[in-house]
Amino acid sequence: MFARAVVAVLLTGCSFMQIDRPPRAVRASDRMPGPQCTTNRTMPALDAVLAVVSVAGGIGIATGAIQRTQEDGIKTPLSSDEKVVLSTTAIIEGALFAWSAYYGYQTTGACREMREWIAREPMPQQYPPQQYAPPQNAPPPGAPQ
């Protein structure tokens, strides 16, 4: 039972592992085709769904709505220690999923905003360096004025 709880907690956070953050600054070379970051919100949505399911399961365990089914099909209630451990684990796991979903939505939103800004703003012109000639009637360098 403890091993299942540890594995469940370790599997949380799809958004933490699967989403690439946008760069902090965009150079002119990054403007085309755009910064390499994640705009797809599938992982944060999955995290949000798993957060709701985990918390609902934890509440179900704590209230006794979920029972143990034996091999012969008879349902028996969980002991109070089992309820505490399983419901606490499920609620903590739900909180981690919720945190991961929040991170994922914030990160993908920042990437989308950056890509929209790049599409809106004109690309800076890069002119070749020019040599400026002094005005026609300027005295030569070092001459008294």
C-alpha atoms as a PDB file:
ATOM      1  CA  MET A   1       0.000   0.000   0.000  1.00  0.00           C
ATOM      2  CA  PHE A   2       2.829   2.411   0.841  1.00  0.00           C
ATOM      3  CA  ALA A   3       4.573   1.589  -2.436  1.00  0.00           C
ATOM      4  CA  ARG A   4       1.413   2.496  -4.371  1.00  0.00           C
ATOM      5  CA  ALA A   5       1.227   5.815  -2.567  1.00  0.00           C
ATOM      6  CA  VAL A   6       4.877   6.609  -3.346  1.00  0.00           C
ATOM      7  CA  VAL A   7       4.458   5.690  -7.027  1.00  0.00           C
ATOM      8  CA  ALA A   8       1.293   7.787  -7.262  1.00  0.00           C
ATOM      9  CA  VAL A   9       3.064  10.835  -5.815  1.00  0.00           C
ATOM     10  CA  LEU A  10       6.068  10.361  -8.114  1.00  0.00           C
ATOM     11  CA  LEU A  11       3.845  10.276 -11.205  1.00  0.00           C
ATOM     12  CA  THR A  12       2.396  13.719 -10.528  1.00  0.00           C
ATOM     13  CA  GLY A  13       3.240  16.784 -12.486  1.00  0.00           C
ATOM     14  CA  CYS A  14       3.004  16.205 -16.209  1.00  0.00           C
ATOM     15  CA  SER A  15       3.316  19.963 -16.722  1.00  0.00           C
ATOM     16  CA  PHE A  16       6.556  20.139 -14.753  1.00  0.00           C
ATOM     17  CA  MET A  17       8.184  17.540 -16.986  1.00  0.00           C
ATOM     18  CA  GLN A  18       6.572  18.076 -20.392  1.00  0.00           C
ATOM     19  CA  ILE A  19       6.356  21.864 -20.846  1.00  0.00           C
ATOM     20  CA  ASP A  20       9.150  24.064 -22.178  1.00  0.00           C
ATOM     21  CA  ARG A  21       9.276  27.588 -20.768  1.00  0.00           C
ATOM     22  CA  PRO A  22       9.609  30.595 -23.063  1.00  0.00           C
ATOM     23  CA  PRO A  23      12.955  32.423 -23.012  1.00  0.00           C
ATOM     24  CA  ARG A  24      13.283  35.395 -20.694  1.00  0.00           C
ATOM     25  CA  ALA A  25      14.331  37.664 -23.578  1.00  0.00           C
ATOM     26  CA  VAL A  26      13.862  37.387 -27.320  1.00  0.00           C
ATOM     27  CA  ARG A  27      16.759  38.131 -29.632  1.00  0.00           C
ATOM     28  CA  ALA A  28      16.216  39.104 -33.251  1.00  0.00           C
ATOM     29  CA  SER A  29      17.421  35.645 -34.300  1.00  0.00           C
ATOM     30  CA  ASP A  30      14.669  34.047 -32.147  1.00  0.00           C
ATOM     31  CA  ARG A  31      11.875  36.001 -33.811  1.00  0.00           C
ATOM     32  CA  MET A  32      11.619  33.699 -36.794  1.00  0.00           C
ATOM     33  CA  PRO A  33      10.078  31.141 -36.522  1.00  0.00           C
ATOM     34  CA  GLY A  34       9.548  32.102 -32.874  1.00  0.00           C
ATOM     35  CA  PRO A  35      10.754  30.980 -29.458  1.00  0.00           C
ATOM     36  CA  GLN A  36      10.776  27.256 -28.842  1.00  0.00           C
ATOM     37  CA  CYS A  37       8.274  26.856 -26.025  1.00  0.00           C
ATOM     38  CA  THR A  38       5.050  24.952 -25.382  1.00  0.00           C
ATOM     39  CA  THR A  39       1.688  26.489 -26.269  1.00  0.00           C
ATOM     40  CA  ASN A  40      -0.366  23.280 -26.098  1.00  0.00           C
ATOM     41  CA  ARG A  41      -2.428  23.077 -22.906  1.00  0.00           C
ATOM     42  CA  THR A  42      -3.110  19.336 -22.940  1.00  0.00           C
ATOM     43  CA  MET A  43      -0.768  18.539 -20.037  1.00  0.00           C
ATOM     44  CA  PRO A  44      -2.092  21.273 -17.720  1.00  0.00           C
ATOM     45  CA  ALA A  45      -5.648  20.158 -18.491  1.00  0.00           C
ATOM     46  CA  LEU A  46      -4.698  16.562 -17.673  1.00  0.00           C
ATOM     47  CA  ASP A  47      -3.103  17.744 -14.430  1.00  0.00           C
ATOM     48  CA  ALA A  48      -6.270  19.661 -13.517  1.00  0.00           C
ATOM     49  CA  VAL A  49      -8.480  16.617 -14.160  1.00  0.00           C
ATOM     50  CA  LEU A  50      -6.185  14.380 -12.102  1.00  0.00           C
ATOM     51  CA  ALA A  51      -6.180  16.952  -9.291  1.00  0.00           C
ATOM     52  CA  VAL A  52      -9.978  16.868  -9.105  1.00  0.00           C
ATOM     53  CA  VAL A  53     -10.079  13.059  -9.276  1.00  0.00           C
ATOM     54  CA  SER A  54      -7.388  12.683  -6.578  1.00  0.00           C
ATOM     55  CA  VAL A  55      -9.035  15.105  -4.170  1.00  0.00           C
ATOM     56  CA  ALA A  56     -12.464  13.542  -4.767  1.00  0.00           C
ATOM     57  CA  GLY A  57     -10.970  10.097  -4.135  1.00  0.00           C
ATOM     58  CA  GLY A  58      -9.320  11.312  -0.944  1.00  0.00           C
ATOM     59  CA  ILE A  59     -12.615  12.746   0.285  1.00  0.00           C
ATOM     60  CA  GLY A  60     -14.381   9.518  -0.678  1.00  0.00           C
ATOM     61  CA  ILE A  61     -11.889   7.468   1.300  1.00  0.00           C
ATOM     62  CA  ALA A  62     -12.088   9.771   4.313  1.00  0.00           C
ATOM     63  CA  THR A  63     -15.891   9.690   4.433  1.00  0.00           C
ATOM     64  CA  GLY A  64     -16.068   5.912   4.008  1.00  0.00           C
ATOM     65  CA  ALA A  65     -17.724   6.015   0.589  1.00  0.00           C
ATOM     66  CA  ILE A  66     -14.892   3.853  -0.792  1.00  0.00           C
ATOM     67  CA  GLN A  67     -14.602   0.374   0.660  1.00  0.00           C
ATOM     68  CA  ARG A  68     -12.326  -2.604   0.237  1.00  0.00           C
ATOM     69  CA  THR A  69     -13.674  -5.466  -1.887  1.00  0.00           C
ATOM     70  CA  GLN A  70     -12.470  -8.906  -0.836  1.00  0.00           C
ATOM     71  CA  GLU A  71     -11.811 -11.802  -3.188  1.00  0.00           C
ATOM     72  CA  ASP A  72     -15.270 -13.271  -2.560  1.00  0.00           C
ATOM     73  CA  GLY A  73     -16.931  -9.935  -3.522  1.00  0.00           C
ATOM     74  CA  ILE A  74     -17.831  -8.844   0.016  1.00  0.00           C
ATOM     75  CA  LYS A  75     -17.187  -5.174   0.711  1.00  0.00           C
ATOM     76  CA  THR A  76     -15.653  -4.221   4.032  1.00  0.00           C
ATOM     77  CA  PRO A  77     -14.925  -0.742   5.351  1.00  0.00           C
ATOM     78  CA  LEU A  78     -11.349   0.488   5.607  1.00  0.00           C
ATOM     79  CA  SER A  79      -9.754   0.777   9.033  1.00  0.00           C
ATOM     80  CA  SER A  80      -9.306   4.278  10.423  1.00  0.00           C
ATOM     81  CA  ASP A  81      -5.526   4.098   9.912  1.00  0.00           C
ATOM     82  CA  GLU A  82      -5.999   3.103   6.281  1.00  0.00           C
ATOM     83  CA  LYS A  83      -8.469   5.948   5.793  1.00  0.00           C
ATOM     84  CA  VAL A  84      -6.023   8.493   7.199  1.00  0.00           C
ATOM     85  CA  VAL A  85      -3.063   7.296   5.131  1.00  0.00           C
ATOM     86  CA  LEU A  86      -4.928   6.840   1.863  1.00  0.00           C
ATOM     87  CA  SER A  87      -7.028  10.004   2.065  1.00  0.00           C
ATOM     88  CA  THR A  88      -4.020  12.133   3.063  1.00  0.00           C
ATOM     89  CA  THR A  89      -1.946  10.680   0.239  1.00  0.00           C
ATOM     90  CA  ALA A  90      -4.711  11.257  -2.314  1.00  0.00           C
ATOM     91  CA  ILE A  91      -5.302  14.842  -1.195  1.00  0.00           C
ATOM     92  CA  ILE A  92      -1.567  15.649  -1.229  1.00  0.00           C
ATOM     93  CA  GLU A  93      -1.308  14.096  -4.674  1.00  0.00           C
ATOM     94  CA  GLY A  94      -4.268  16.211  -5.791  1.00  0.00           C
ATOM     95  CA  ALA A  95      -2.543  19.330  -4.478  1.00  0.00           C
ATOM     96  CA  LEU A  96       0.604  18.453  -6.441  1.00  0.00           C
ATOM     97  CA  PHE A  97      -1.449  17.918  -9.591  1.00  0.00           C
ATOM     98  CA  ALA A  98      -3.174  21.272  -9.011  1.00  0.00           C
ATOM     99  CA  TRP A  99       0.192  22.998  -8.560  1.00  0.00           C
ATOM    100  CA  SER A 100       1.467  21.389 -11.748  1.00  0.00           C
ATOM    101  CA  ALA A 101      -1.670  22.467 -13.628  1.00  0.00           C
ATOM    102  CA  TYR A 102      -1.224  26.046 -12.402  1.00  0.00           C
ATOM    103  CA  TYR A 103       2.429  26.041 -13.505  1.00  0.00           C
ATOM    104  CA  GLY A 104       1.466  24.582 -16.881  1.00  0.00           C
ATOM    105  CA  TYR A 105      -1.271  27.136 -17.546  1.00  0.00           C
ATOM    106  CA  GLN A 106       1.005  30.020 -16.515  1.00  0.00           C
ATOM    107  CA  THR A 107       3.897  28.776 -18.665  1.00  0.00           C
ATOM    108  CA  THR A 108       1.859  28.053 -21.790  1.00  0.00           C
ATOM    109  CA  GLY A 109       0.110  31.408 -21.368  1.00  0.00           C
ATOM    110  CA  ALA A 110       3.450  33.211 -21.229  1.00  0.00           C
ATOM    111  CA  CYS A 111       4.575  31.402 -24.369  1.00  0.00           C
ATOM    112  CA  ARG A 112       1.376  32.314 -26.195  1.00  0.00           C
ATOM    113  CA  GLU A 113       1.700  35.965 -25.162  1.00  0.00           C
ATOM    114  CA  MET A 114       5.308  36.073 -26.332  1.00  0.00           C
ATOM    115  CA  ARG A 115       4.413  34.556 -29.710  1.00  0.00           C
ATOM    116  CA  GLU A 116       1.528  37.028 -30.116  1.00  0.00           C
ATOM    117  CA  TRP A 117       3.847  39.919 -29.265  1.00  0.00           C
ATOM    118  CA  ILE A 118       6.391  38.726 -31.840  1.00  0.00           C
ATOM    119  CA  ALA A 119       3.668  38.463 -34.481  1.00  0.00           C
ATOM    120  CA  ARG A 120       2.375  41.985 -33.631  1.00  0.00           C
ATOM    121  CA  GLU A 121       5.668  43.870 -33.351  1.00  0.00           C
ATOM    122  CA  PRO A 122       7.606  44.714 -36.498  1.00  0.00           C
ATOM    123  CA  MET A 123      10.997  43.117 -36.814  1.00  0.00           C
ATOM    124  CA  PRO A 124      13.793  45.643 -36.217  1.00  0.00           C
ATOM    125  CA  GLN A 125      15.590  46.740 -39.376  1.00  0.00           C
ATOM    126  CA  GLN A 126      19.243  45.907 -39.511  1.00  0.00           C
ATOM    127  CA  TYR A 127      21.044  48.484 -41.586  1.00  0.00           C
ATOM    128  CA  PRO A 128      24.698  48.114 -42.558  1.00  0.00           C
ATOM    129  CA  PRO A 129      27.050  50.457 -40.705  1.00  0.00           C
ATOM    130  CA  GLN A 130      27.539  53.711 -42.576  1.00  0.00           C
ATOM    131  CA  GLN A 131      30.540  55.985 -42.708  1.00  0.00           C
ATOM    132  CA  TYR A 132      29.536  59.553 -41.982  1.00  0.00           C
ATOM    133  CA  ALA A 133      31.489  62.274 -43.772  1.00  0.00           C
ATOM    134  CA  PRO A 134      32.082  65.571 -41.972  1.00  0.00           C
ATOM    135  CA  PRO A 135      30.110  68.586 -43.214  1.00  0.00           C
ATOM    136  CA  GLN A 136      31.526  70.365 -46.316  1.00  0.00           C
ATOM    137  CA  ASN A 137      32.761  73.518 -44.543  1.00  0.00           C
ATOM    138  CA  ALA A 138      34.130  71.876 -41.404  1.00  0.00           C
ATOM    139  CA  PRO A 139      37.772  72.653 -40.530  1.00  0.00           C
ATOM    140  CA  PRO A 140      40.194  69.721 -40.614  1.00  0.00           C
ATOM    141  CA  PRO A 141      40.797  67.935 -37.314  1.00  0.00           C
ATOM    142  CA  GLY A 142      43.320  69.754 -35.114  1.00  0.00           C
ATOM    143  CA  ALA A 143      42.990  73.105 -36.942  1.00  0.00           C
ATOM    144  CA  PRO A 144      42.468  76.277 -34.848  1.00  0.00           C
ATOM    145  CA  GLN A 145      38.984  77.608 -34.945  1.00  0.00           C
END
